[in-house]
C-alpha cells in the first residue's frame, strides 16, 4: 500500500462532525503533530483569546512540517490553508451531527470532562437555544452556511492546489481511514 503523501492536513466540518477525533487519529497513524484550534482559542471560563494571541498560537503550532489541524476558525483559515496540502471535509447530514452533539454534550456534562484548561460543559448554556453560548444554536446557525461556503472557498485559485477529501457519512470516513497505511 502506498504511503499517504500529505504531511499537512486540515480537518474541517460543522460542530460535532468529528474534526478533532479524526485529526488526532490521522496524527497518530501518520506521525503528524496534532493541532486542535479549540485548545488554542479557549481560555478558562470559556473566554476566547484576542485575534493577535490566537494567530500567534496557531503560527507556533504550525511551525512543524508535519501536522493535522482540527478546526474551522475563519480568522486563521488563510494561515492554515496556505500551508496545508490536504483538506478533509466532514460534510455529514444535519441530524447525524445533531445526534453526535447531543451525545457528546450529555457525556461531557455527566463525566465533567475537562476541556481546554479549566472548562466543562454546561447543560444550561446549551439548552439556551437563542444564545451564542449554545452549541446547538451554533450548529443551526452555521450548518447551512458551511455547506455553501466550503465549496466556494475550495474553488478559490489559492486553494485549488489542495487535495480535498470530502466525506458525507461517518462510515465513509471510517472506511477511508482504515485504508490508510501507518507511517
N, C-alpha and C. Protein backbone atom coordinates (compact mmCIF):
# COMPACT_ATOMS: atom_id res chain seq x y z
N UNK A 1 0.84 -1.18 0.00
CA UNK A 1 0.00 0.00 0.00
C UNK A 1 0.89 1.24 0.00
N UNK A 2 0.55 2.18 -0.86
CA UNK A 2 1.32 3.40 -0.99
C UNK A 2 1.11 4.31 0.22
N UNK A 3 2.17 4.97 0.65
CA UNK A 3 2.09 5.88 1.79
C UNK A 3 1.21 7.08 1.44
N UNK A 4 0.53 7.60 2.45
CA UNK A 4 -0.29 8.80 2.27
C UNK A 4 0.67 9.97 2.05
N UNK A 5 0.54 10.70 0.94
CA UNK A 5 1.56 11.68 0.57
C UNK A 5 1.49 13.03 1.29
N UNK A 6 0.43 13.30 2.04
CA UNK A 6 0.25 14.63 2.61
C UNK A 6 0.74 14.70 4.05
N UNK A 7 1.51 15.76 4.33
CA UNK A 7 2.11 15.93 5.66
C UNK A 7 1.48 17.06 6.46
N UNK A 8 0.66 17.87 5.79
CA UNK A 8 -0.02 18.99 6.46
C UNK A 8 -1.49 18.94 6.05
N UNK A 9 -2.31 18.56 7.02
CA UNK A 9 -3.71 18.26 6.76
C UNK A 9 -4.58 19.12 7.68
N UNK A 10 -5.68 19.60 7.14
CA UNK A 10 -6.67 20.30 7.98
C UNK A 10 -8.00 19.58 7.83
N UNK A 11 -8.62 19.30 8.98
CA UNK A 11 -9.92 18.62 9.02
C UNK A 11 -10.97 19.67 9.37
N UNK A 12 -11.96 19.81 8.49
CA UNK A 12 -12.99 20.82 8.67
C UNK A 12 -14.37 20.16 8.69
N UNK A 13 -15.34 20.90 9.18
CA UNK A 13 -16.72 20.43 9.23
C UNK A 13 -17.45 21.20 10.30
N UNK A 14 -18.73 20.96 10.41
CA UNK A 14 -19.53 21.66 11.41
C UNK A 14 -19.24 21.11 12.80
N UNK A 15 -19.74 21.79 13.81
CA UNK A 15 -19.54 21.34 15.17
C UNK A 15 -20.03 19.90 15.34
N UNK A 16 -19.27 19.09 16.04
CA UNK A 16 -19.59 17.69 16.35
C UNK A 16 -19.54 16.75 15.16
N UNK A 17 -18.90 17.17 14.08
CA UNK A 17 -18.74 16.26 12.95
C UNK A 17 -17.61 15.26 13.18
N UNK A 18 -16.75 15.53 14.15
CA UNK A 18 -15.65 14.62 14.45
C UNK A 18 -14.30 15.13 13.98
N UNK A 19 -14.16 16.43 13.83
CA UNK A 19 -12.91 17.02 13.35
C UNK A 19 -11.72 16.65 14.23
N UNK A 20 -11.87 16.88 15.52
CA UNK A 20 -10.75 16.63 16.45
C UNK A 20 -10.42 15.15 16.53
N UNK A 21 -11.45 14.33 16.58
CA UNK A 21 -11.22 12.88 16.65
C UNK A 21 -10.46 12.40 15.43
N UNK A 22 -10.91 12.81 14.24
CA UNK A 22 -10.24 12.36 13.02
C UNK A 22 -8.83 12.93 12.92
N UNK A 23 -8.65 14.20 13.21
CA UNK A 23 -7.32 14.80 13.13
C UNK A 23 -6.35 14.11 14.09
N UNK A 24 -6.84 13.77 15.27
CA UNK A 24 -5.99 13.08 16.24
C UNK A 24 -5.64 11.67 15.75
N UNK A 25 -6.60 10.98 15.15
CA UNK A 25 -6.33 9.65 14.60
C UNK A 25 -5.33 9.73 13.45
N UNK A 26 -5.49 10.73 12.58
CA UNK A 26 -4.54 10.91 11.48
C UNK A 26 -3.15 11.23 12.00
N UNK A 27 -3.07 12.07 13.01
CA UNK A 27 -1.78 12.42 13.59
C UNK A 27 -1.07 11.17 14.11
N UNK A 28 -1.80 10.32 14.81
CA UNK A 28 -1.20 9.09 15.36
C UNK A 28 -0.81 8.13 14.24
N UNK A 29 -1.67 7.96 13.27
CA UNK A 29 -1.43 7.00 12.19
C UNK A 29 -0.30 7.43 11.26
N UNK A 30 -0.21 8.74 11.00
CA UNK A 30 0.74 9.25 10.01
C UNK A 30 1.94 9.96 10.63
N UNK A 31 2.08 9.87 11.95
CA UNK A 31 3.18 10.51 12.66
C UNK A 31 3.23 12.02 12.40
N UNK A 32 2.09 12.66 12.67
CA UNK A 32 1.96 14.10 12.49
C UNK A 32 1.70 14.74 13.85
N UNK A 33 2.00 16.01 13.97
CA UNK A 33 1.61 16.75 15.16
C UNK A 33 0.11 17.01 15.12
N UNK A 34 -0.54 16.95 16.26
CA UNK A 34 -1.98 17.20 16.35
C UNK A 34 -2.20 18.61 16.86
N UNK A 35 -2.97 19.41 16.11
CA UNK A 35 -3.27 20.79 16.48
C UNK A 35 -4.78 20.93 16.57
N UNK A 36 -5.26 21.23 17.76
CA UNK A 36 -6.69 21.44 17.97
C UNK A 36 -6.92 22.92 18.17
N UNK A 37 -7.57 23.56 17.21
CA UNK A 37 -7.75 25.01 17.27
C UNK A 37 -8.54 25.44 18.50
N UNK A 38 -9.52 24.64 18.92
CA UNK A 38 -10.27 25.00 20.13
C UNK A 38 -9.34 25.12 21.34
N UNK A 39 -8.36 24.25 21.43
CA UNK A 39 -7.42 24.28 22.56
C UNK A 39 -6.56 25.54 22.53
N UNK A 40 -6.31 26.07 21.34
CA UNK A 40 -5.51 27.28 21.21
C UNK A 40 -6.35 28.54 21.43
N UNK A 41 -7.65 28.42 21.27
CA UNK A 41 -8.54 29.58 21.35
C UNK A 41 -9.15 29.79 22.73
N UNK A 42 -9.59 28.71 23.38
CA UNK A 42 -10.37 28.87 24.61
C UNK A 42 -9.49 28.99 25.85
N UNK A 43 -9.82 29.98 26.65
CA UNK A 43 -9.18 30.22 27.94
C UNK A 43 -10.15 29.79 29.04
N UNK A 44 -9.71 29.74 30.30
CA UNK A 44 -10.62 29.40 31.40
C UNK A 44 -11.87 30.28 31.39
N UNK A 45 -12.99 29.67 31.80
CA UNK A 45 -14.25 30.38 31.84
C UNK A 45 -14.86 30.60 30.46
N UNK A 46 -14.44 29.80 29.49
CA UNK A 46 -14.93 29.89 28.11
C UNK A 46 -14.71 31.28 27.52
N UNK A 47 -13.58 31.87 27.84
CA UNK A 47 -13.22 33.16 27.26
C UNK A 47 -12.30 32.91 26.07
N UNK A 48 -12.69 33.43 24.92
CA UNK A 48 -11.84 33.30 23.73
C UNK A 48 -10.72 34.32 23.77
N UNK A 49 -9.56 33.94 23.24
CA UNK A 49 -8.43 34.87 23.21
C UNK A 49 -8.62 35.88 22.08
N UNK A 50 -7.91 36.99 22.17
CA UNK A 50 -7.97 38.00 21.12
C UNK A 50 -7.31 37.46 19.85
N UNK A 51 -7.61 38.07 18.74
CA UNK A 51 -7.12 37.59 17.44
C UNK A 51 -5.60 37.52 17.36
N UNK A 52 -4.91 38.50 17.91
CA UNK A 52 -3.45 38.53 17.84
C UNK A 52 -2.85 37.34 18.60
N UNK A 53 -3.36 37.07 19.78
CA UNK A 53 -2.87 35.93 20.57
C UNK A 53 -3.18 34.62 19.86
N UNK A 54 -4.39 34.50 19.34
CA UNK A 54 -4.79 33.28 18.63
C UNK A 54 -3.90 33.05 17.42
N UNK A 55 -3.68 34.08 16.64
CA UNK A 55 -2.83 33.97 15.46
C UNK A 55 -1.42 33.54 15.85
N UNK A 56 -0.88 34.11 16.91
CA UNK A 56 0.45 33.73 17.38
C UNK A 56 0.53 32.28 17.80
N UNK A 57 -0.50 31.81 18.50
CA UNK A 57 -0.54 30.41 18.93
C UNK A 57 -0.62 29.47 17.73
N UNK A 58 -1.44 29.83 16.76
CA UNK A 58 -1.58 28.98 15.57
C UNK A 58 -0.27 28.97 14.78
N UNK A 59 0.35 30.12 14.62
CA UNK A 59 1.63 30.17 13.91
C UNK A 59 2.67 29.27 14.59
N UNK A 60 2.73 29.32 15.90
CA UNK A 60 3.67 28.47 16.64
C UNK A 60 3.34 27.00 16.44
N UNK A 61 2.07 26.64 16.45
CA UNK A 61 1.66 25.24 16.28
C UNK A 61 1.97 24.72 14.88
N UNK A 62 1.97 25.61 13.90
CA UNK A 62 2.23 25.21 12.51
C UNK A 62 3.72 25.27 12.16
N UNK A 63 4.54 25.55 13.14
CA UNK A 63 5.98 25.65 12.89
C UNK A 63 6.56 24.34 12.37
N UNK A 64 6.00 23.25 12.80
CA UNK A 64 6.43 21.92 12.35
C UNK A 64 6.07 21.73 10.88
N UNK A 65 6.72 20.82 10.24
CA UNK A 65 6.42 20.50 8.84
C UNK A 65 5.38 19.40 8.69
N UNK A 66 4.96 18.81 9.81
CA UNK A 66 4.02 17.68 9.77
C UNK A 66 2.94 17.89 10.81
N UNK A 67 1.68 18.10 10.35
CA UNK A 67 0.60 18.33 11.29
C UNK A 67 -0.75 17.98 10.71
N UNK A 68 -1.67 17.73 11.65
CA UNK A 68 -3.09 17.56 11.34
C UNK A 68 -3.83 18.54 12.22
N UNK A 69 -4.50 19.50 11.60
CA UNK A 69 -5.22 20.56 12.31
C UNK A 69 -6.70 20.24 12.31
N UNK A 70 -7.34 20.43 13.45
CA UNK A 70 -8.78 20.26 13.58
C UNK A 70 -9.41 21.62 13.81
N UNK A 71 -10.25 22.07 12.87
CA UNK A 71 -10.98 23.31 13.12
C UNK A 71 -11.26 24.15 11.91
N UNK A 72 -12.19 25.09 12.11
CA UNK A 72 -12.74 25.93 11.04
C UNK A 72 -12.57 27.42 11.26
N UNK A 73 -11.82 27.86 12.21
CA UNK A 73 -11.80 29.28 12.55
C UNK A 73 -11.41 30.12 11.34
N UNK A 74 -12.33 30.96 10.88
CA UNK A 74 -12.09 31.76 9.68
C UNK A 74 -10.95 32.75 9.88
N UNK A 75 -10.74 33.23 11.10
CA UNK A 75 -9.70 34.23 11.33
C UNK A 75 -8.28 33.68 11.14
N UNK A 76 -8.12 32.36 11.13
CA UNK A 76 -6.80 31.78 10.88
C UNK A 76 -6.79 30.84 9.66
N UNK A 77 -7.91 30.81 8.94
CA UNK A 77 -8.02 29.91 7.79
C UNK A 77 -6.91 30.14 6.76
N UNK A 78 -6.70 31.40 6.37
CA UNK A 78 -5.68 31.66 5.35
C UNK A 78 -4.31 31.18 5.78
N UNK A 79 -3.97 31.39 7.04
CA UNK A 79 -2.68 30.93 7.56
C UNK A 79 -2.56 29.41 7.45
N UNK A 80 -3.59 28.70 7.85
CA UNK A 80 -3.55 27.23 7.85
C UNK A 80 -3.63 26.68 6.43
N UNK A 81 -4.63 27.13 5.69
CA UNK A 81 -4.84 26.58 4.36
C UNK A 81 -3.69 26.92 3.40
N UNK A 82 -3.03 28.04 3.60
CA UNK A 82 -1.91 28.39 2.72
C UNK A 82 -0.73 27.44 2.92
N UNK A 83 -0.64 26.79 4.07
CA UNK A 83 0.44 25.84 4.35
C UNK A 83 0.00 24.39 4.19
N UNK A 84 -1.31 24.16 4.22
CA UNK A 84 -1.84 22.79 4.15
C UNK A 84 -1.62 22.20 2.77
N UNK A 85 -1.59 20.87 2.75
CA UNK A 85 -1.53 20.13 1.49
C UNK A 85 -2.87 19.45 1.18
N UNK A 86 -3.64 19.19 2.24
CA UNK A 86 -4.90 18.49 2.05
C UNK A 86 -5.95 19.02 3.03
N UNK A 87 -7.20 19.01 2.57
CA UNK A 87 -8.35 19.36 3.39
C UNK A 87 -9.26 18.15 3.43
N UNK A 88 -9.66 17.77 4.63
CA UNK A 88 -10.63 16.70 4.80
C UNK A 88 -11.90 17.37 5.32
N UNK A 89 -12.95 17.29 4.51
CA UNK A 89 -14.22 17.95 4.83
C UNK A 89 -15.22 16.90 5.28
N UNK A 90 -15.60 16.97 6.56
CA UNK A 90 -16.61 16.10 7.12
C UNK A 90 -17.96 16.80 6.96
N UNK A 91 -18.67 16.43 5.92
CA UNK A 91 -19.90 17.09 5.49
C UNK A 91 -21.08 16.17 5.72
N UNK A 92 -21.38 15.93 6.98
CA UNK A 92 -22.40 14.96 7.36
C UNK A 92 -23.79 15.60 7.42
N UNK A 93 -24.84 14.76 7.32
CA UNK A 93 -26.21 15.28 7.43
C UNK A 93 -26.43 15.97 8.79
N UNK A 94 -27.33 16.95 8.77
CA UNK A 94 -27.63 17.72 9.98
C UNK A 94 -28.02 16.82 11.14
N UNK A 95 -28.87 15.84 10.92
CA UNK A 95 -29.34 15.02 12.03
C UNK A 95 -28.24 14.11 12.57
N UNK A 96 -27.27 13.77 11.73
CA UNK A 96 -26.13 12.99 12.20
C UNK A 96 -25.31 13.81 13.19
N UNK A 97 -24.98 15.04 12.81
CA UNK A 97 -24.16 15.87 13.72
C UNK A 97 -24.98 16.34 14.92
N UNK A 98 -26.29 16.54 14.74
CA UNK A 98 -27.14 16.89 15.87
C UNK A 98 -27.12 15.77 16.92
N UNK A 99 -27.25 14.52 16.47
CA UNK A 99 -27.20 13.38 17.38
C UNK A 99 -25.85 13.27 18.06
N UNK A 100 -24.79 13.47 17.31
CA UNK A 100 -23.44 13.43 17.89
C UNK A 100 -23.26 14.54 18.92
N UNK A 101 -23.74 15.74 18.60
CA UNK A 101 -23.62 16.87 19.52
C UNK A 101 -24.39 16.59 20.81
N UNK A 102 -25.57 16.04 20.67
CA UNK A 102 -26.39 15.72 21.85
C UNK A 102 -25.68 14.71 22.74
N UNK A 103 -25.20 13.61 22.15
CA UNK A 103 -24.48 12.59 22.93
C UNK A 103 -23.23 13.16 23.57
N UNK A 104 -22.45 13.90 22.79
CA UNK A 104 -21.20 14.46 23.31
C UNK A 104 -21.46 15.44 24.44
N UNK A 105 -22.46 16.29 24.30
CA UNK A 105 -22.77 17.28 25.33
C UNK A 105 -23.17 16.60 26.63
N UNK A 106 -24.07 15.63 26.55
CA UNK A 106 -24.51 14.93 27.76
C UNK A 106 -23.36 14.13 28.39
N UNK A 107 -22.54 13.49 27.56
CA UNK A 107 -21.41 12.72 28.09
C UNK A 107 -20.42 13.63 28.80
N UNK A 108 -20.06 14.73 28.16
CA UNK A 108 -19.11 15.65 28.78
C UNK A 108 -19.68 16.26 30.07
N UNK A 109 -20.96 16.56 30.07
CA UNK A 109 -21.58 17.12 31.27
C UNK A 109 -21.62 16.07 32.38
N UNK A 110 -22.03 14.85 32.05
CA UNK A 110 -22.16 13.79 33.06
C UNK A 110 -20.80 13.43 33.65
N UNK A 111 -19.78 13.34 32.83
CA UNK A 111 -18.45 12.95 33.31
C UNK A 111 -17.63 14.14 33.81
N UNK A 112 -18.15 15.35 33.55
CA UNK A 112 -17.43 16.58 33.91
C UNK A 112 -16.04 16.60 33.27
N UNK A 113 -15.98 16.14 32.03
CA UNK A 113 -14.73 16.13 31.27
C UNK A 113 -14.12 17.53 31.23
N UNK A 114 -12.83 17.60 31.49
CA UNK A 114 -12.11 18.86 31.46
C UNK A 114 -11.77 19.20 30.00
N UNK A 115 -12.14 20.39 29.59
CA UNK A 115 -11.92 20.83 28.20
C UNK A 115 -11.03 22.05 28.18
N UNK A 116 -9.91 21.97 27.53
CA UNK A 116 -9.03 23.11 27.27
C UNK A 116 -8.79 23.95 28.50
N UNK A 117 -8.11 23.35 29.43
CA UNK A 117 -7.73 24.07 30.64
C UNK A 117 -8.67 23.77 31.79
N UNK A 118 -9.59 24.68 32.05
CA UNK A 118 -10.48 24.52 33.21
C UNK A 118 -11.95 24.52 32.83
N UNK A 119 -12.26 24.35 31.58
CA UNK A 119 -13.65 24.45 31.11
C UNK A 119 -14.36 23.10 31.17
N UNK A 120 -15.64 23.18 31.47
CA UNK A 120 -16.50 22.00 31.48
C UNK A 120 -17.82 22.37 30.80
N UNK A 121 -18.50 21.36 30.26
CA UNK A 121 -19.78 21.59 29.60
C UNK A 121 -20.83 22.02 30.62
N UNK A 122 -21.70 22.92 30.19
CA UNK A 122 -22.84 23.36 31.00
C UNK A 122 -24.10 23.06 30.20
N UNK A 123 -24.93 22.19 30.72
CA UNK A 123 -26.18 21.87 30.01
C UNK A 123 -27.04 23.12 29.85
N UNK A 124 -27.09 23.93 30.88
CA UNK A 124 -27.94 25.12 30.81
C UNK A 124 -27.54 25.99 29.62
N UNK A 125 -26.25 26.23 29.42
CA UNK A 125 -25.82 27.06 28.30
C UNK A 125 -26.26 26.46 26.96
N UNK A 126 -26.19 25.15 26.84
CA UNK A 126 -26.55 24.53 25.56
C UNK A 126 -28.04 24.49 25.33
N UNK A 127 -28.84 24.47 26.39
CA UNK A 127 -30.29 24.48 26.23
C UNK A 127 -30.83 25.87 25.94
N UNK A 128 -30.02 26.89 26.11
CA UNK A 128 -30.42 28.25 25.75
C UNK A 128 -30.23 28.40 24.24
N UNK A 129 -31.15 27.84 23.48
CA UNK A 129 -31.00 27.75 22.03
C UNK A 129 -30.92 29.11 21.35
N UNK A 130 -31.36 30.16 21.99
CA UNK A 130 -31.32 31.51 21.45
C UNK A 130 -29.96 32.17 21.68
N UNK A 131 -29.09 31.55 22.46
CA UNK A 131 -27.84 32.17 22.89
C UNK A 131 -26.65 31.68 22.08
N UNK A 132 -25.72 32.56 21.82
CA UNK A 132 -24.47 32.18 21.15
C UNK A 132 -23.62 31.25 22.01
N UNK A 133 -23.95 31.11 23.29
CA UNK A 133 -23.24 30.18 24.17
C UNK A 133 -23.63 28.73 23.92
N UNK A 134 -24.73 28.52 23.22
CA UNK A 134 -25.24 27.17 22.96
C UNK A 134 -24.63 26.58 21.70
N UNK A 135 -24.02 25.41 21.83
CA UNK A 135 -23.50 24.74 20.64
C UNK A 135 -24.62 24.28 19.72
N UNK A 136 -25.81 24.03 20.26
CA UNK A 136 -26.95 23.69 19.41
C UNK A 136 -27.34 24.91 18.55
N UNK A 137 -27.35 26.08 19.17
CA UNK A 137 -27.58 27.33 18.43
C UNK A 137 -26.52 27.48 17.34
N UNK A 138 -25.27 27.26 17.72
CA UNK A 138 -24.16 27.40 16.78
C UNK A 138 -24.30 26.42 15.61
N UNK A 139 -24.69 25.18 15.90
CA UNK A 139 -24.89 24.18 14.84
C UNK A 139 -25.93 24.67 13.84
N UNK A 140 -27.09 25.09 14.33
CA UNK A 140 -28.15 25.52 13.41
C UNK A 140 -27.79 26.81 12.69
N UNK A 141 -27.00 27.66 13.34
CA UNK A 141 -26.60 28.93 12.75
C UNK A 141 -25.57 28.72 11.63
N UNK A 142 -24.70 27.75 11.77
CA UNK A 142 -23.58 27.61 10.83
C UNK A 142 -23.71 26.45 9.85
N UNK A 143 -24.61 25.52 10.08
CA UNK A 143 -24.67 24.32 9.24
C UNK A 143 -24.87 24.65 7.76
N UNK A 144 -25.90 25.40 7.45
CA UNK A 144 -26.18 25.74 6.05
C UNK A 144 -25.09 26.61 5.45
N UNK A 145 -24.59 27.53 6.25
CA UNK A 145 -23.53 28.42 5.77
C UNK A 145 -22.28 27.63 5.39
N UNK A 146 -21.90 26.65 6.20
CA UNK A 146 -20.72 25.85 5.87
C UNK A 146 -20.92 25.06 4.58
N UNK A 147 -22.11 24.53 4.37
CA UNK A 147 -22.39 23.76 3.15
C UNK A 147 -22.25 24.63 1.91
N UNK A 148 -22.58 25.90 2.03
CA UNK A 148 -22.43 26.83 0.90
C UNK A 148 -21.00 27.37 0.81
N UNK A 149 -20.41 27.71 1.94
CA UNK A 149 -19.14 28.41 1.98
C UNK A 149 -17.95 27.53 1.61
N UNK A 150 -17.91 26.32 2.09
CA UNK A 150 -16.72 25.48 1.88
C UNK A 150 -16.46 25.21 0.40
N UNK A 151 -17.46 24.81 -0.40
CA UNK A 151 -17.16 24.62 -1.83
C UNK A 151 -16.66 25.91 -2.50
N UNK A 152 -17.21 27.05 -2.09
CA UNK A 152 -16.76 28.32 -2.65
C UNK A 152 -15.30 28.59 -2.29
N UNK A 153 -14.95 28.31 -1.04
CA UNK A 153 -13.55 28.51 -0.61
C UNK A 153 -12.61 27.59 -1.36
N UNK A 154 -13.00 26.33 -1.47
CA UNK A 154 -12.13 25.36 -2.14
C UNK A 154 -11.96 25.65 -3.63
N UNK A 155 -12.88 26.42 -4.21
CA UNK A 155 -12.79 26.78 -5.63
C UNK A 155 -11.92 28.01 -5.87
N UNK A 156 -11.52 28.71 -4.80
CA UNK A 156 -10.66 29.88 -4.96
C UNK A 156 -9.31 29.47 -5.54
N UNK A 157 -8.73 30.31 -6.40
CA UNK A 157 -7.46 29.94 -7.04
C UNK A 157 -6.37 29.54 -6.04
N UNK A 158 -6.29 30.23 -4.90
CA UNK A 158 -5.23 29.93 -3.94
C UNK A 158 -5.41 28.59 -3.23
N UNK A 159 -6.60 28.02 -3.31
CA UNK A 159 -6.84 26.75 -2.63
C UNK A 159 -7.07 25.57 -3.58
N UNK A 160 -7.07 25.81 -4.86
CA UNK A 160 -7.29 24.72 -5.82
C UNK A 160 -6.19 23.67 -5.77
N UNK A 161 -5.04 24.03 -5.27
CA UNK A 161 -3.90 23.09 -5.19
C UNK A 161 -4.09 22.04 -4.09
N UNK A 162 -5.02 22.30 -3.17
CA UNK A 162 -5.23 21.39 -2.05
C UNK A 162 -5.89 20.10 -2.50
N UNK A 163 -5.40 18.99 -1.99
CA UNK A 163 -6.10 17.71 -2.17
C UNK A 163 -7.32 17.76 -1.25
N UNK A 164 -8.48 17.44 -1.77
CA UNK A 164 -9.71 17.52 -0.99
C UNK A 164 -10.30 16.13 -0.85
N UNK A 165 -10.58 15.77 0.39
CA UNK A 165 -11.25 14.52 0.72
C UNK A 165 -12.59 14.92 1.34
N UNK A 166 -13.67 14.66 0.64
CA UNK A 166 -15.00 15.12 1.04
C UNK A 166 -15.82 13.89 1.43
N UNK A 167 -16.16 13.81 2.70
CA UNK A 167 -16.92 12.67 3.21
C UNK A 167 -18.30 13.13 3.67
N UNK A 168 -19.33 12.38 3.25
CA UNK A 168 -20.70 12.77 3.56
C UNK A 168 -21.37 11.84 4.57
N UNK A 169 -20.64 10.88 5.07
CA UNK A 169 -21.19 9.98 6.09
C UNK A 169 -20.03 9.44 6.94
N UNK A 170 -20.23 9.28 8.24
CA UNK A 170 -19.15 8.77 9.09
C UNK A 170 -18.60 7.41 8.65
N UNK A 171 -19.45 6.53 8.13
CA UNK A 171 -18.95 5.22 7.66
C UNK A 171 -17.97 5.38 6.50
N UNK A 172 -18.25 6.34 5.64
CA UNK A 172 -17.35 6.63 4.52
C UNK A 172 -15.98 7.07 5.04
N UNK A 173 -15.98 7.92 6.04
CA UNK A 173 -14.74 8.40 6.65
C UNK A 173 -13.99 7.25 7.31
N UNK A 174 -14.72 6.41 8.05
CA UNK A 174 -14.09 5.27 8.74
C UNK A 174 -13.45 4.31 7.76
N UNK A 175 -14.13 4.01 6.66
CA UNK A 175 -13.55 3.10 5.64
C UNK A 175 -12.28 3.71 5.05
N UNK A 176 -12.31 5.01 4.77
CA UNK A 176 -11.14 5.68 4.22
C UNK A 176 -9.98 5.61 5.21
N UNK A 177 -10.26 5.91 6.47
CA UNK A 177 -9.21 5.89 7.49
C UNK A 177 -8.62 4.49 7.65
N UNK A 178 -9.47 3.48 7.66
CA UNK A 178 -8.98 2.09 7.77
C UNK A 178 -8.06 1.72 6.63
N UNK A 179 -8.27 2.31 5.46
CA UNK A 179 -7.46 2.01 4.29
C UNK A 179 -6.13 2.75 4.25
N UNK A 180 -5.93 3.70 5.14
CA UNK A 180 -4.66 4.43 5.15
C UNK A 180 -3.56 3.58 5.78
N UNK A 181 -2.37 3.63 5.20
CA UNK A 181 -1.26 2.91 5.82
C UNK A 181 -0.76 3.64 7.07
N UNK A 182 -0.15 2.91 7.96
CA UNK A 182 0.51 3.53 9.11
C UNK A 182 1.89 3.95 8.65
N UNK A 183 2.37 5.07 9.19
CA UNK A 183 3.71 5.50 8.78
C UNK A 183 4.77 4.83 9.63
